[in-house]
Amino acid sequence: NAGPAAQSRIPWPLCAGSSPAPRTTAHPALPLIQQVLQTTTPPRPKIPDPAPRILKPKQRQTMPHALEFHQLDRRLEHLRVRHPPRFRRLLASLAETGQQTPIVVVPHEQRYLVIDGHQRIAALLQLRRDTVDAVVLETISEAEALLLVRSLRTNSEPETALEQGWLLAEMEEKLGYSVEELARRFDRSTTWVARRLSLVETLPESVQQLVREGRIAAQIAMRY
């Protein structure tokens, strides 16, 4: 589905305080993603119940898989801004204690599309590791996985309007969502969606790349 004509989009910049507060939307896979992203240490062993239990498929998905790097599709890496100081801390932590939090992937064309964990992958590659621990989400789509991981990440890592625009543009161009559908998915207005798409369209790609690399702040880039 094609989005509305470019001329119907409201040009940047955004006015302060113009965006309404987001409303949370429950999803069956939310507890699974929350467990993956918020767990940084192995859970304590639990005493099994006397009565046998049948393990549900969704529970089995929480078991990490050891994937080789050539199995990973990292094409969504450009949707996030890199933070060099944070990456150095991550690198030191992985070198000292190993990988504590698995990345999140979904099956895609005989490979695994990385939804969350690009910085962990880069750090493990730099440390010359052979594999990465990953949780494979078998039962949800790429769009659902992206939105669920985003909704949990923003609680601790607030995203910029430019990062929001990158995700919206990816879903519009690659996944075929219209502006109206994106507004429903993000629980926002079509104006909010159109402004961020306009930002990505009008800001020079060279400037956007500087933001991705962490060389300039997104707030400074939006003045160009």
N, C-alpha and C. Protein backbone atom coordinates (compact mmCIF):
# COMPACT_ATOMS: atom_id res chain seq x y z
N ASN A 1 0.84 -1.20 0.00
CA ASN A 1 0.00 0.00 0.00
C ASN A 1 0.86 1.24 0.00
N ALA A 2 0.57 2.12 -0.91
CA ALA A 2 1.37 3.35 -1.01
C ALA A 2 0.86 4.37 -0.02
N GLY A 3 1.77 5.19 0.52
CA GLY A 3 1.39 6.26 1.45
C GLY A 3 0.78 7.42 0.70
N PRO A 4 0.31 8.42 1.41
CA PRO A 4 -0.27 9.61 0.76
C PRO A 4 0.78 10.38 0.02
N ALA A 5 0.32 11.25 -0.87
CA ALA A 5 1.25 12.04 -1.68
C ALA A 5 2.15 12.87 -0.81
N ALA A 6 3.38 13.08 -1.30
CA ALA A 6 4.38 13.80 -0.50
C ALA A 6 3.91 15.18 -0.11
N GLN A 7 3.09 15.85 -1.03
CA GLN A 7 2.70 17.22 -0.74
C GLN A 7 1.71 17.29 0.42
N SER A 8 1.10 16.15 0.77
CA SER A 8 0.15 16.18 1.88
C SER A 8 0.83 16.10 3.22
N ARG A 9 2.15 15.79 3.23
CA ARG A 9 2.85 15.69 4.49
C ARG A 9 3.23 17.06 5.01
N ILE A 10 3.13 17.23 6.30
CA ILE A 10 3.44 18.51 6.92
C ILE A 10 4.94 18.62 7.07
N PRO A 11 5.59 19.65 6.59
CA PRO A 11 7.05 19.74 6.61
C PRO A 11 7.58 19.88 8.03
N TRP A 12 8.82 19.52 8.19
CA TRP A 12 9.57 19.66 9.43
C TRP A 12 9.89 21.13 9.63
N PRO A 13 10.14 21.71 10.80
CA PRO A 13 10.33 20.99 12.05
C PRO A 13 9.05 20.77 12.82
N LEU A 14 9.14 19.92 13.82
CA LEU A 14 8.02 19.69 14.70
C LEU A 14 7.91 20.82 15.73
N CYS A 15 6.74 21.18 16.08
CA CYS A 15 6.55 22.15 17.14
C CYS A 15 6.61 21.45 18.48
N ALA A 16 7.25 22.07 19.47
CA ALA A 16 7.40 21.44 20.78
C ALA A 16 6.03 21.22 21.39
N GLY A 17 5.87 20.03 21.94
CA GLY A 17 4.63 19.72 22.63
C GLY A 17 3.47 19.40 21.71
N SER A 18 3.74 19.24 20.38
CA SER A 18 2.64 19.00 19.46
C SER A 18 2.22 17.55 19.41
N SER A 19 3.08 16.62 19.89
CA SER A 19 2.76 15.20 19.80
C SER A 19 2.00 14.76 21.02
N PRO A 20 0.92 14.01 20.86
CA PRO A 20 0.20 13.50 22.04
C PRO A 20 0.98 12.40 22.70
N ALA A 21 0.73 12.18 23.97
CA ALA A 21 1.41 11.11 24.70
C ALA A 21 0.97 9.77 24.15
N PRO A 22 1.93 8.83 23.90
CA PRO A 22 1.58 7.52 23.34
C PRO A 22 0.78 6.71 24.34
N ARG A 23 -0.06 5.84 23.82
CA ARG A 23 -0.80 4.92 24.66
C ARG A 23 -0.24 3.53 24.46
N THR A 24 -0.11 2.78 25.50
CA THR A 24 0.45 1.44 25.41
C THR A 24 -0.59 0.48 24.87
N THR A 25 -0.16 -0.52 24.10
CA THR A 25 -1.05 -1.51 23.51
C THR A 25 -0.52 -2.90 23.85
N ALA A 26 -1.34 -3.71 24.48
CA ALA A 26 -0.91 -5.04 24.89
C ALA A 26 -0.78 -5.94 23.68
N HIS A 27 0.10 -6.93 23.74
CA HIS A 27 0.31 -7.88 22.66
C HIS A 27 0.69 -9.21 23.28
N PRO A 28 0.21 -10.32 22.73
CA PRO A 28 0.52 -11.62 23.34
C PRO A 28 2.01 -11.91 23.46
N ALA A 29 2.82 -11.37 22.56
CA ALA A 29 4.25 -11.67 22.61
C ALA A 29 5.03 -10.72 23.50
N LEU A 30 4.36 -9.73 24.11
CA LEU A 30 5.05 -8.73 24.91
C LEU A 30 5.83 -9.33 26.07
N PRO A 31 5.27 -10.27 26.86
CA PRO A 31 6.08 -10.83 27.96
C PRO A 31 7.34 -11.51 27.48
N LEU A 32 7.30 -12.13 26.30
CA LEU A 32 8.48 -12.80 25.76
C LEU A 32 9.59 -11.83 25.44
N ILE A 33 9.25 -10.75 24.74
CA ILE A 33 10.27 -9.77 24.40
C ILE A 33 10.80 -9.10 25.67
N GLN A 34 9.90 -8.81 26.61
CA GLN A 34 10.30 -8.15 27.85
C GLN A 34 11.30 -9.00 28.61
N GLN A 35 11.07 -10.30 28.63
CA GLN A 35 12.00 -11.19 29.32
C GLN A 35 13.37 -11.17 28.65
N VAL A 36 13.38 -11.14 27.32
CA VAL A 36 14.65 -11.16 26.58
C VAL A 36 15.45 -9.90 26.82
N LEU A 37 14.78 -8.72 26.76
CA LEU A 37 15.50 -7.46 26.82
C LEU A 37 15.88 -7.06 28.23
N GLN A 38 15.09 -7.44 29.23
CA GLN A 38 15.33 -6.98 30.57
C GLN A 38 16.20 -7.93 31.39
N THR A 39 16.39 -9.16 30.93
CA THR A 39 17.19 -10.12 31.68
C THR A 39 18.66 -9.95 31.33
N THR A 40 19.49 -9.62 32.29
CA THR A 40 20.92 -9.45 32.04
C THR A 40 21.74 -10.50 32.75
N THR A 41 21.15 -11.27 33.65
CA THR A 41 21.85 -12.35 34.33
C THR A 41 21.02 -13.60 34.24
N PRO A 42 21.67 -14.78 34.28
CA PRO A 42 20.91 -16.02 34.19
C PRO A 42 19.93 -16.14 35.34
N PRO A 43 18.71 -16.65 35.09
CA PRO A 43 17.72 -16.76 36.15
C PRO A 43 18.13 -17.81 37.18
N ARG A 44 17.64 -17.64 38.41
CA ARG A 44 17.91 -18.63 39.45
C ARG A 44 17.16 -19.91 39.15
N PRO A 45 17.77 -21.06 39.46
CA PRO A 45 17.07 -22.33 39.19
C PRO A 45 15.82 -22.45 40.03
N LYS A 46 14.77 -22.99 39.43
CA LYS A 46 13.51 -23.16 40.12
C LYS A 46 13.28 -24.64 40.43
N ILE A 47 12.63 -24.90 41.57
CA ILE A 47 12.29 -26.27 41.92
C ILE A 47 11.11 -26.70 41.07
N PRO A 48 11.23 -27.80 40.33
CA PRO A 48 10.12 -28.21 39.45
C PRO A 48 8.89 -28.61 40.23
N ASP A 49 7.71 -28.37 39.66
CA ASP A 49 6.47 -28.77 40.28
C ASP A 49 6.35 -30.29 40.27
N PRO A 50 5.68 -30.86 41.29
CA PRO A 50 5.51 -32.31 41.30
C PRO A 50 4.73 -32.81 40.10
N ALA A 51 3.71 -32.06 39.69
CA ALA A 51 2.90 -32.49 38.55
C ALA A 51 3.60 -32.13 37.25
N PRO A 52 3.63 -33.03 36.27
CA PRO A 52 4.26 -32.72 34.98
C PRO A 52 3.51 -31.63 34.25
N ARG A 53 4.25 -30.82 33.49
CA ARG A 53 3.64 -29.74 32.72
C ARG A 53 3.98 -29.91 31.24
N ILE A 54 3.07 -29.46 30.40
CA ILE A 54 3.32 -29.45 28.97
C ILE A 54 3.87 -28.09 28.59
N LEU A 55 5.05 -28.06 28.00
CA LEU A 55 5.68 -26.79 27.65
C LEU A 55 5.04 -26.24 26.39
N LYS A 56 4.56 -25.03 26.47
CA LYS A 56 3.91 -24.41 25.32
C LYS A 56 4.96 -23.95 24.31
N PRO A 57 4.62 -23.88 23.01
CA PRO A 57 5.59 -23.44 22.00
C PRO A 57 6.17 -22.07 22.30
N LYS A 58 5.36 -21.12 22.79
CA LYS A 58 5.87 -19.77 23.04
C LYS A 58 6.93 -19.79 24.13
N GLN A 59 6.82 -20.70 25.13
CA GLN A 59 7.81 -20.81 26.17
C GLN A 59 9.12 -21.37 25.62
N ARG A 60 9.01 -22.29 24.69
CA ARG A 60 10.22 -22.87 24.13
C ARG A 60 11.04 -21.83 23.38
N GLN A 61 10.40 -20.77 22.88
CA GLN A 61 11.11 -19.76 22.12
C GLN A 61 12.09 -18.97 22.99
N THR A 62 11.92 -19.01 24.32
CA THR A 62 12.79 -18.23 25.18
C THR A 62 14.17 -18.88 25.31
N MET A 63 14.33 -20.11 24.87
CA MET A 63 15.62 -20.77 24.95
C MET A 63 16.54 -20.21 23.87
N PRO A 64 17.68 -19.63 24.23
CA PRO A 64 18.57 -19.05 23.21
C PRO A 64 19.18 -20.12 22.31
N HIS A 65 19.41 -19.72 21.08
CA HIS A 65 20.11 -20.55 20.10
C HIS A 65 21.48 -19.92 19.84
N ALA A 66 22.47 -20.76 19.64
CA ALA A 66 23.79 -20.27 19.26
C ALA A 66 23.84 -20.19 17.73
N LEU A 67 23.84 -18.98 17.19
CA LEU A 67 23.85 -18.77 15.75
C LEU A 67 25.22 -18.27 15.30
N GLU A 68 25.62 -18.70 14.12
CA GLU A 68 26.84 -18.17 13.52
C GLU A 68 26.52 -16.86 12.80
N PHE A 69 27.52 -16.02 12.67
CA PHE A 69 27.28 -14.66 12.16
C PHE A 69 26.81 -14.66 10.70
N HIS A 70 27.23 -15.66 9.93
CA HIS A 70 26.80 -15.68 8.52
C HIS A 70 25.32 -16.01 8.39
N GLN A 71 24.71 -16.49 9.46
CA GLN A 71 23.27 -16.79 9.43
C GLN A 71 22.41 -15.55 9.68
N LEU A 72 23.02 -14.45 10.04
CA LEU A 72 22.27 -13.26 10.44
C LEU A 72 22.09 -12.29 9.29
N ASP A 73 20.88 -11.75 9.18
CA ASP A 73 20.57 -10.66 8.25
C ASP A 73 20.54 -9.38 9.07
N ARG A 74 21.51 -8.49 8.84
CA ARG A 74 21.68 -7.29 9.67
C ARG A 74 21.24 -6.02 8.94
N ARG A 75 20.31 -6.15 8.01
CA ARG A 75 19.94 -5.00 7.18
C ARG A 75 19.19 -3.91 7.95
N LEU A 76 18.71 -4.20 9.16
CA LEU A 76 17.99 -3.20 9.94
C LEU A 76 18.91 -2.41 10.86
N GLU A 77 20.20 -2.63 10.75
CA GLU A 77 21.15 -1.96 11.64
C GLU A 77 21.10 -0.45 11.48
N HIS A 78 20.73 0.03 10.29
CA HIS A 78 20.73 1.47 10.02
C HIS A 78 19.59 2.20 10.73
N LEU A 79 18.71 1.48 11.40
CA LEU A 79 17.57 2.13 12.06
C LEU A 79 17.93 2.69 13.43
N ARG A 80 19.13 2.41 13.92
CA ARG A 80 19.52 2.85 15.26
C ARG A 80 20.77 3.71 15.21
N VAL A 81 20.86 4.65 16.13
CA VAL A 81 22.03 5.51 16.27
C VAL A 81 23.09 4.78 17.10
N ARG A 82 24.32 4.87 16.67
CA ARG A 82 25.42 4.28 17.45
C ARG A 82 25.89 5.27 18.52
N HIS A 83 26.25 4.72 19.68
CA HIS A 83 26.75 5.52 20.78
C HIS A 83 28.14 5.00 21.16
N PRO A 84 29.22 5.61 20.65
CA PRO A 84 30.56 5.08 20.90
C PRO A 84 30.90 4.83 22.37
N PRO A 85 30.61 5.75 23.30
CA PRO A 85 30.93 5.46 24.71
C PRO A 85 30.19 4.22 25.23
N ARG A 86 28.90 4.12 24.87
CA ARG A 86 28.12 2.97 25.30
C ARG A 86 28.67 1.68 24.68
N PHE A 87 29.12 1.76 23.43
CA PHE A 87 29.67 0.58 22.77
C PHE A 87 30.96 0.13 23.46
N ARG A 88 31.79 1.07 23.88
CA ARG A 88 33.03 0.69 24.56
C ARG A 88 32.73 -0.01 25.89
N ARG A 89 31.72 0.46 26.60
CA ARG A 89 31.34 -0.21 27.84
C ARG A 89 30.81 -1.61 27.58
N LEU A 90 30.03 -1.75 26.51
CA LEU A 90 29.51 -3.06 26.13
C LEU A 90 30.64 -4.00 25.76
N LEU A 91 31.61 -3.50 25.01
CA LEU A 91 32.75 -4.32 24.61
C LEU A 91 33.52 -4.83 25.82
N ALA A 92 33.75 -3.96 26.79
CA ALA A 92 34.46 -4.36 28.01
C ALA A 92 33.66 -5.39 28.80
N SER A 93 32.35 -5.21 28.87
CA SER A 93 31.51 -6.14 29.61
C SER A 93 31.50 -7.52 28.96
N LEU A 94 31.39 -7.57 27.64
CA LEU A 94 31.38 -8.85 26.94
C LEU A 94 32.72 -9.56 27.06
N ALA A 95 33.80 -8.79 27.03
CA ALA A 95 35.12 -9.38 27.17
C ALA A 95 35.32 -10.00 28.55
N GLU A 96 34.71 -9.38 29.57
CA GLU A 96 34.90 -9.84 30.95
C GLU A 96 33.95 -10.95 31.35
N THR A 97 32.67 -10.80 31.00
CA THR A 97 31.67 -11.75 31.50
C THR A 97 30.97 -12.54 30.41
N GLY A 98 31.24 -12.24 29.14
CA GLY A 98 30.55 -12.93 28.06
C GLY A 98 29.17 -12.36 27.81
N GLN A 99 28.47 -12.94 26.86
CA GLN A 99 27.15 -12.44 26.49
C GLN A 99 26.11 -12.88 27.51
N GLN A 100 25.46 -11.93 28.14
CA GLN A 100 24.45 -12.21 29.14
C GLN A 100 23.03 -12.09 28.58
N THR A 101 22.84 -11.20 27.60
CA THR A 101 21.51 -10.97 27.03
C THR A 101 21.51 -11.40 25.57
N PRO A 102 20.64 -12.33 25.18
CA PRO A 102 20.61 -12.76 23.78
C PRO A 102 20.05 -11.68 22.87
N ILE A 103 20.42 -11.73 21.62
CA ILE A 103 19.81 -10.86 20.63
C ILE A 103 18.44 -11.42 20.27
N VAL A 104 17.65 -10.65 19.54
CA VAL A 104 16.31 -11.07 19.12
C VAL A 104 16.27 -11.14 17.60
N VAL A 105 15.83 -12.28 17.07
CA VAL A 105 15.77 -12.46 15.62
C VAL A 105 14.43 -13.10 15.25
N VAL A 106 14.08 -12.95 13.96
CA VAL A 106 12.94 -13.67 13.40
C VAL A 106 13.41 -14.39 12.14
N PRO A 107 12.88 -15.58 11.85
CA PRO A 107 13.27 -16.28 10.62
C PRO A 107 12.88 -15.47 9.40
N HIS A 108 13.80 -15.43 8.42
CA HIS A 108 13.53 -14.65 7.21
C HIS A 108 14.38 -15.19 6.07
N GLU A 109 13.71 -15.84 5.09
CA GLU A 109 14.36 -16.33 3.88
C GLU A 109 15.60 -17.16 4.19
N GLN A 110 15.43 -18.21 4.99
CA GLN A 110 16.47 -19.17 5.34
C GLN A 110 17.61 -18.55 6.15
N ARG A 111 17.40 -17.35 6.65
CA ARG A 111 18.35 -16.72 7.56
C ARG A 111 17.58 -16.18 8.75
N TYR A 112 18.23 -15.37 9.57
CA TYR A 112 17.59 -14.80 10.75
C TYR A 112 17.77 -13.28 10.72
N LEU A 113 16.64 -12.59 10.61
CA LEU A 113 16.66 -11.13 10.57
C LEU A 113 16.82 -10.59 11.99
N VAL A 114 17.86 -9.79 12.21
CA VAL A 114 18.14 -9.25 13.54
C VAL A 114 17.18 -8.10 13.84
N ILE A 115 16.40 -8.25 14.92
CA ILE A 115 15.46 -7.23 15.35
C ILE A 115 16.09 -6.36 16.42
N ASP A 116 16.82 -6.97 17.33
CA ASP A 116 17.46 -6.23 18.42
C ASP A 116 18.80 -6.90 18.74
N GLY A 117 19.84 -6.06 18.98
CA GLY A 117 21.14 -6.60 19.37
C GLY A 117 22.27 -6.33 18.40
N HIS A 118 22.14 -5.33 17.55
CA HIS A 118 23.17 -5.06 16.55
C HIS A 118 24.51 -4.68 17.20
N GLN A 119 24.45 -3.92 18.29
CA GLN A 119 25.69 -3.53 18.95
C GLN A 119 26.38 -4.72 19.61
N ARG A 120 25.59 -5.63 20.16
CA ARG A 120 26.18 -6.85 20.72
C ARG A 120 26.87 -7.68 19.65
N ILE A 121 26.26 -7.74 18.48
CA ILE A 121 26.87 -8.49 17.37
C ILE A 121 28.19 -7.85 16.97
N ALA A 122 28.21 -6.52 16.82
CA ALA A 122 29.43 -5.82 16.44
C ALA A 122 30.54 -6.03 17.47
N ALA A 123 30.16 -6.00 18.75
CA ALA A 123 31.16 -6.19 19.80
C ALA A 123 31.69 -7.62 19.81
N LEU A 124 30.82 -8.60 19.63
CA LEU A 124 31.26 -9.99 19.61
C LEU A 124 32.16 -10.27 18.40
N LEU A 125 31.85 -9.65 17.28
CA LEU A 125 32.71 -9.79 16.10
C LEU A 125 34.09 -9.20 16.38
N GLN A 126 34.12 -8.05 17.04
CA GLN A 126 35.40 -7.42 17.36
C GLN A 126 36.20 -8.28 18.34
N LEU A 127 35.51 -9.02 19.18
CA LEU A 127 36.18 -9.92 20.12
C LEU A 127 36.51 -11.28 19.50
N ARG A 128 36.21 -11.44 18.21
CA ARG A 128 36.51 -12.65 17.45
C ARG A 128 35.78 -13.88 18.00
N ARG A 129 34.55 -13.69 18.44
CA ARG A 129 33.74 -14.82 18.87
C ARG A 129 33.14 -15.50 17.63
N ASP A 130 32.79 -16.77 17.78
CA ASP A 130 32.29 -17.55 16.65
C ASP A 130 30.78 -17.52 16.52
N THR A 131 30.08 -17.37 17.64
CA THR A 131 28.62 -17.42 17.63
C THR A 131 28.04 -16.33 18.51
N VAL A 132 26.73 -16.15 18.37
CA VAL A 132 25.99 -15.20 19.21
C VAL A 132 24.74 -15.91 19.71
N ASP A 133 24.41 -15.72 20.98
CA ASP A 133 23.18 -16.28 21.54
C ASP A 133 21.99 -15.46 21.07
N ALA A 134 20.96 -16.13 20.59
CA ALA A 134 19.81 -15.42 20.03
C ALA A 134 18.51 -16.12 20.42
N VAL A 135 17.49 -15.33 20.69
CA VAL A 135 16.14 -15.84 20.85
C VAL A 135 15.43 -15.69 19.51
N VAL A 136 14.90 -16.79 19.00
CA VAL A 136 14.23 -16.80 17.72
C VAL A 136 12.72 -16.72 17.94
N LEU A 137 12.11 -15.66 17.43
CA LEU A 137 10.66 -15.47 17.55
C LEU A 137 9.99 -16.08 16.32
N GLU A 138 9.38 -17.23 16.52
CA GLU A 138 8.81 -17.98 15.40
C GLU A 138 7.40 -17.55 15.05
N THR A 139 6.68 -16.98 16.01
CA THR A 139 5.23 -16.85 15.86
C THR A 139 4.75 -15.44 15.56
N ILE A 140 5.66 -14.46 15.41
CA ILE A 140 5.21 -13.10 15.11
C ILE A 140 5.93 -12.59 13.87
N SER A 141 5.35 -11.59 13.23
CA SER A 141 5.90 -11.05 12.00
C SER A 141 7.05 -10.10 12.29
N GLU A 142 7.76 -9.73 11.23
CA GLU A 142 8.85 -8.77 11.36
C GLU A 142 8.35 -7.44 11.91
N ALA A 143 7.22 -6.95 11.40
CA ALA A 143 6.69 -5.67 11.87
C ALA A 143 6.30 -5.73 13.34
N GLU A 144 5.65 -6.82 13.75
CA GLU A 144 5.26 -6.96 15.15
C GLU A 144 6.48 -7.01 16.07
N ALA A 145 7.51 -7.73 15.64
CA ALA A 145 8.73 -7.82 16.44
C ALA A 145 9.39 -6.46 16.57
N LEU A 146 9.47 -5.71 15.48
CA LEU A 146 10.07 -4.38 15.51
C LEU A 146 9.34 -3.46 16.49
N LEU A 147 8.02 -3.48 16.44
CA LEU A 147 7.24 -2.58 17.28
C LEU A 147 7.30 -2.98 18.75
N LEU A 148 7.30 -4.27 19.02
CA LEU A 148 7.35 -4.73 20.40
C LEU A 148 8.69 -4.41 21.05
N VAL A 149 9.78 -4.68 20.32
CA VAL A 149 11.10 -4.38 20.85
C VAL A 149 11.25 -2.88 21.04
N ARG A 150 10.74 -2.09 20.09
CA ARG A 150 10.81 -0.63 20.21
C ARG A 150 10.06 -0.14 21.44
N SER A 151 8.87 -0.68 21.70
CA SER A 151 8.06 -0.21 22.81
C SER A 151 8.74 -0.46 24.15
N LEU A 152 9.52 -1.53 24.25
CA LEU A 152 10.23 -1.82 25.49
C LEU A 152 11.54 -1.04 25.58
N ARG A 153 12.21 -0.87 24.46
CA ARG A 153 13.50 -0.16 24.47
C ARG A 153 13.33 1.30 24.84
N THR A 154 12.24 1.92 24.39
CA THR A 154 12.06 3.35 24.64
C THR A 154 11.89 3.68 26.11
N ASN A 155 11.59 2.68 26.94
CA ASN A 155 11.50 2.94 28.37
C ASN A 155 12.85 3.30 28.97
N SER A 156 13.94 2.74 28.43
CA SER A 156 15.27 2.99 28.96
C SER A 156 16.15 3.78 27.99
N GLU A 157 15.83 3.73 26.69
CA GLU A 157 16.62 4.41 25.67
C GLU A 157 15.68 5.26 24.81
N PRO A 158 15.37 6.47 25.24
CA PRO A 158 14.47 7.31 24.43
C PRO A 158 15.00 7.50 23.02
N GLU A 159 14.14 7.33 22.05
CA GLU A 159 14.55 7.45 20.66
C GLU A 159 14.29 8.85 20.15
N THR A 160 15.04 9.23 19.14
CA THR A 160 14.88 10.55 18.53
C THR A 160 13.82 10.49 17.44
N ALA A 161 13.36 11.67 17.01
CA ALA A 161 12.40 11.74 15.91
C ALA A 161 13.00 11.15 14.64
N LEU A 162 14.32 11.28 14.47
CA LEU A 162 14.96 10.73 13.28
C LEU A 162 14.93 9.20 13.30
N GLU A 163 15.19 8.60 14.45
CA GLU A 163 15.10 7.14 14.56
C GLU A 163 13.68 6.66 14.32
N GLN A 164 12.71 7.41 14.83
CA GLN A 164 11.31 7.07 14.55
C GLN A 164 11.04 7.13 13.05
N GLY A 165 11.60 8.17 12.40
CA GLY A 165 11.41 8.30 10.96
C GLY A 165 12.04 7.16 10.18
N TRP A 166 13.21 6.70 10.61
CA TRP A 166 13.86 5.57 9.92
C TRP A 166 13.00 4.32 9.99
N LEU A 167 12.45 4.05 11.18
CA LEU A 167 11.60 2.86 11.34
C LEU A 167 10.33 2.99 10.52
N LEU A 168 9.71 4.16 10.54
CA LEU A 168 8.49 4.37 9.75
C LEU A 168 8.77 4.20 8.26
N ALA A 169 9.89 4.77 7.79
CA ALA A 169 10.23 4.66 6.37
C ALA A 169 10.50 3.21 5.98
N GLU A 170 11.15 2.46 6.87
CA GLU A 170 11.40 1.04 6.60
C GLU A 170 10.09 0.28 6.45
N MET A 171 9.16 0.54 7.33
CA MET A 171 7.89 -0.17 7.29
C MET A 171 7.03 0.28 6.10
N GLU A 172 7.16 1.54 5.69
CA GLU A 172 6.41 2.02 4.54
C GLU A 172 6.98 1.48 3.23
N GLU A 173 8.30 1.56 3.09
CA GLU A 173 8.93 1.22 1.81
C GLU A 173 9.14 -0.28 1.64
N LYS A 174 9.55 -0.97 2.71
CA LYS A 174 9.90 -2.39 2.58
C LYS A 174 8.74 -3.32 2.95
N LEU A 175 7.90 -2.90 3.89
CA LEU A 175 6.82 -3.77 4.34
C LEU A 175 5.46 -3.36 3.79
N GLY A 176 5.40 -2.22 3.07
CA GLY A 176 4.18 -1.85 2.36
C GLY A 176 3.08 -1.22 3.19
N TYR A 177 3.43 -0.63 4.33
CA TYR A 177 2.41 0.00 5.16
C TYR A 177 2.09 1.40 4.66
N SER A 178 0.82 1.77 4.72
CA SER A 178 0.42 3.14 4.39
C SER A 178 0.57 4.02 5.63
N VAL A 179 0.48 5.32 5.45
CA VAL A 179 0.57 6.24 6.58
C VAL A 179 -0.55 5.97 7.59
N GLU A 180 -1.75 5.67 7.08
CA GLU A 180 -2.86 5.39 7.99
C GLU A 180 -2.60 4.12 8.80
N GLU A 181 -2.06 3.10 8.15
CA GLU A 181 -1.75 1.85 8.87
C GLU A 181 -0.63 2.06 9.89
N LEU A 182 0.37 2.86 9.51
CA LEU A 182 1.45 3.15 10.45
C LEU A 182 0.94 3.91 11.67
N ALA A 183 0.03 4.85 11.44
CA ALA A 183 -0.55 5.60 12.55
C ALA A 183 -1.26 4.67 13.53
N ARG A 184 -1.97 3.69 12.99
CA ARG A 184 -2.65 2.74 13.87
C ARG A 184 -1.63 1.86 14.60
N ARG A 185 -0.61 1.43 13.90
CA ARG A 185 0.41 0.57 14.52
C ARG A 185 1.16 1.29 15.64
N PHE A 186 1.47 2.55 15.43
CA PHE A 186 2.23 3.32 16.42
C PHE A 186 1.32 4.01 17.44
N ASP A 187 0.01 3.88 17.23
CA ASP A 187 -0.96 4.53 18.10
C ASP A 187 -0.75 6.04 18.14
N ARG A 188 -0.54 6.60 16.95
CA ARG A 188 -0.30 8.04 16.79
C ARG A 188 -1.21 8.57 15.69
N SER A 189 -1.12 9.88 15.46
CA SER A 189 -1.91 10.50 14.40
C SER A 189 -1.17 10.37 13.07
N THR A 190 -1.90 10.52 11.97
CA THR A 190 -1.26 10.50 10.65
C THR A 190 -0.32 11.69 10.49
N THR A 191 -0.62 12.80 11.15
CA THR A 191 0.26 13.96 11.10
C THR A 191 1.61 13.65 11.73
N TRP A 192 1.60 12.97 12.85
CA TRP A 192 2.85 12.57 13.52
C TRP A 192 3.70 11.69 12.60
N VAL A 193 3.05 10.74 11.93
CA VAL A 193 3.76 9.85 11.01
C VAL A 193 4.31 10.63 9.83
N ALA A 194 3.47 11.48 9.22
CA ALA A 194 3.87 12.20 8.02
C ALA A 194 5.04 13.15 8.29
N ARG A 195 5.09 13.77 9.45
CA ARG A 195 6.18 14.68 9.77
C ARG A 195 7.52 13.94 9.86
N ARG A 196 7.50 12.78 10.45
CA ARG A 196 8.75 12.03 10.59
C ARG A 196 9.21 11.43 9.26
N LEU A 197 8.28 11.00 8.45
CA LEU A 197 8.65 10.55 7.11
C LEU A 197 9.21 11.71 6.29
N SER A 198 8.63 12.89 6.43
CA SER A 198 9.13 14.07 5.73
C SER A 198 10.54 14.42 6.17
N LEU A 199 10.82 14.24 7.45
CA LEU A 199 12.17 14.52 7.96
C LEU A 199 13.20 13.62 7.28
N VAL A 200 12.90 12.33 7.18
CA VAL A 200 13.83 11.39 6.55
C VAL A 200 14.00 11.72 5.07
N GLU A 201 12.93 12.14 4.41
CA GLU A 201 12.99 12.44 2.98
C GLU A 201 13.78 13.70 2.68
N THR A 202 13.70 14.70 3.56
CA THR A 202 14.31 16.00 3.27
C THR A 202 15.73 16.15 3.82
N LEU A 203 16.06 15.46 4.89
CA LEU A 203 17.40 15.58 5.47
C LEU A 203 18.40 14.85 4.59
N PRO A 204 19.52 15.50 4.21
CA PRO A 204 20.50 14.84 3.34
C PRO A 204 20.98 13.52 3.93
N GLU A 205 21.16 12.53 3.08
CA GLU A 205 21.59 11.21 3.54
C GLU A 205 22.96 11.27 4.20
N SER A 206 23.84 12.15 3.72
CA SER A 206 25.16 12.28 4.33
C SER A 206 25.06 12.72 5.79
N VAL A 207 24.10 13.60 6.08
CA VAL A 207 23.90 14.06 7.45
C VAL A 207 23.30 12.93 8.29
N GLN A 208 22.36 12.20 7.72
CA GLN A 208 21.77 11.08 8.45
C GLN A 208 22.82 10.02 8.80
N GLN A 209 23.76 9.81 7.90
CA GLN A 209 24.81 8.83 8.17
C GLN A 209 25.70 9.28 9.32
N LEU A 210 25.97 10.57 9.42
CA LEU A 210 26.76 11.09 10.54
C LEU A 210 26.04 10.83 11.87
N VAL A 211 24.72 10.94 11.85
CA VAL A 211 23.93 10.67 13.05
C VAL A 211 24.02 9.19 13.39
N ARG A 212 23.87 8.32 12.40
CA ARG A 212 23.95 6.87 12.64
C ARG A 212 25.27 6.48 13.28
N GLU A 213 26.34 7.12 12.84
CA GLU A 213 27.67 6.79 13.34
C GLU A 213 27.97 7.43 14.69
N GLY A 214 27.05 8.24 15.18
CA GLY A 214 27.24 8.89 16.47
C GLY A 214 28.20 10.06 16.43
N ARG A 215 28.44 10.61 15.25
CA ARG A 215 29.39 11.71 15.11
C ARG A 215 28.75 13.06 15.36
N ILE A 216 27.45 13.17 15.13
CA ILE A 216 26.71 14.38 15.50
C ILE A 216 25.38 13.96 16.12
N ALA A 217 24.85 14.79 17.00
CA ALA A 217 23.58 14.48 17.65
C ALA A 217 22.43 14.70 16.68
N ALA A 218 21.37 13.91 16.86
CA ALA A 218 20.21 14.02 15.97
C ALA A 218 19.59 15.42 16.06
N GLN A 219 19.59 16.02 17.26
CA GLN A 219 18.99 17.34 17.41
C GLN A 219 19.74 18.39 16.59
N ILE A 220 21.07 18.23 16.49
CA ILE A 220 21.85 19.15 15.68
C ILE A 220 21.60 18.91 14.20
N ALA A 221 21.50 17.64 13.83
CA ALA A 221 21.28 17.29 12.42
C ALA A 221 19.98 17.87 11.89
N MET A 222 18.96 17.95 12.71
CA MET A 222 17.66 18.43 12.26
C MET A 222 17.64 19.93 12.00
N ARG A 223 18.74 20.62 12.30
CA ARG A 223 18.82 22.04 11.97
C ARG A 223 19.28 22.28 10.53
N TYR A 224 19.77 21.23 9.87
CA TYR A 224 20.28 21.39 8.51
C TYR A 224 19.15 21.70 7.55
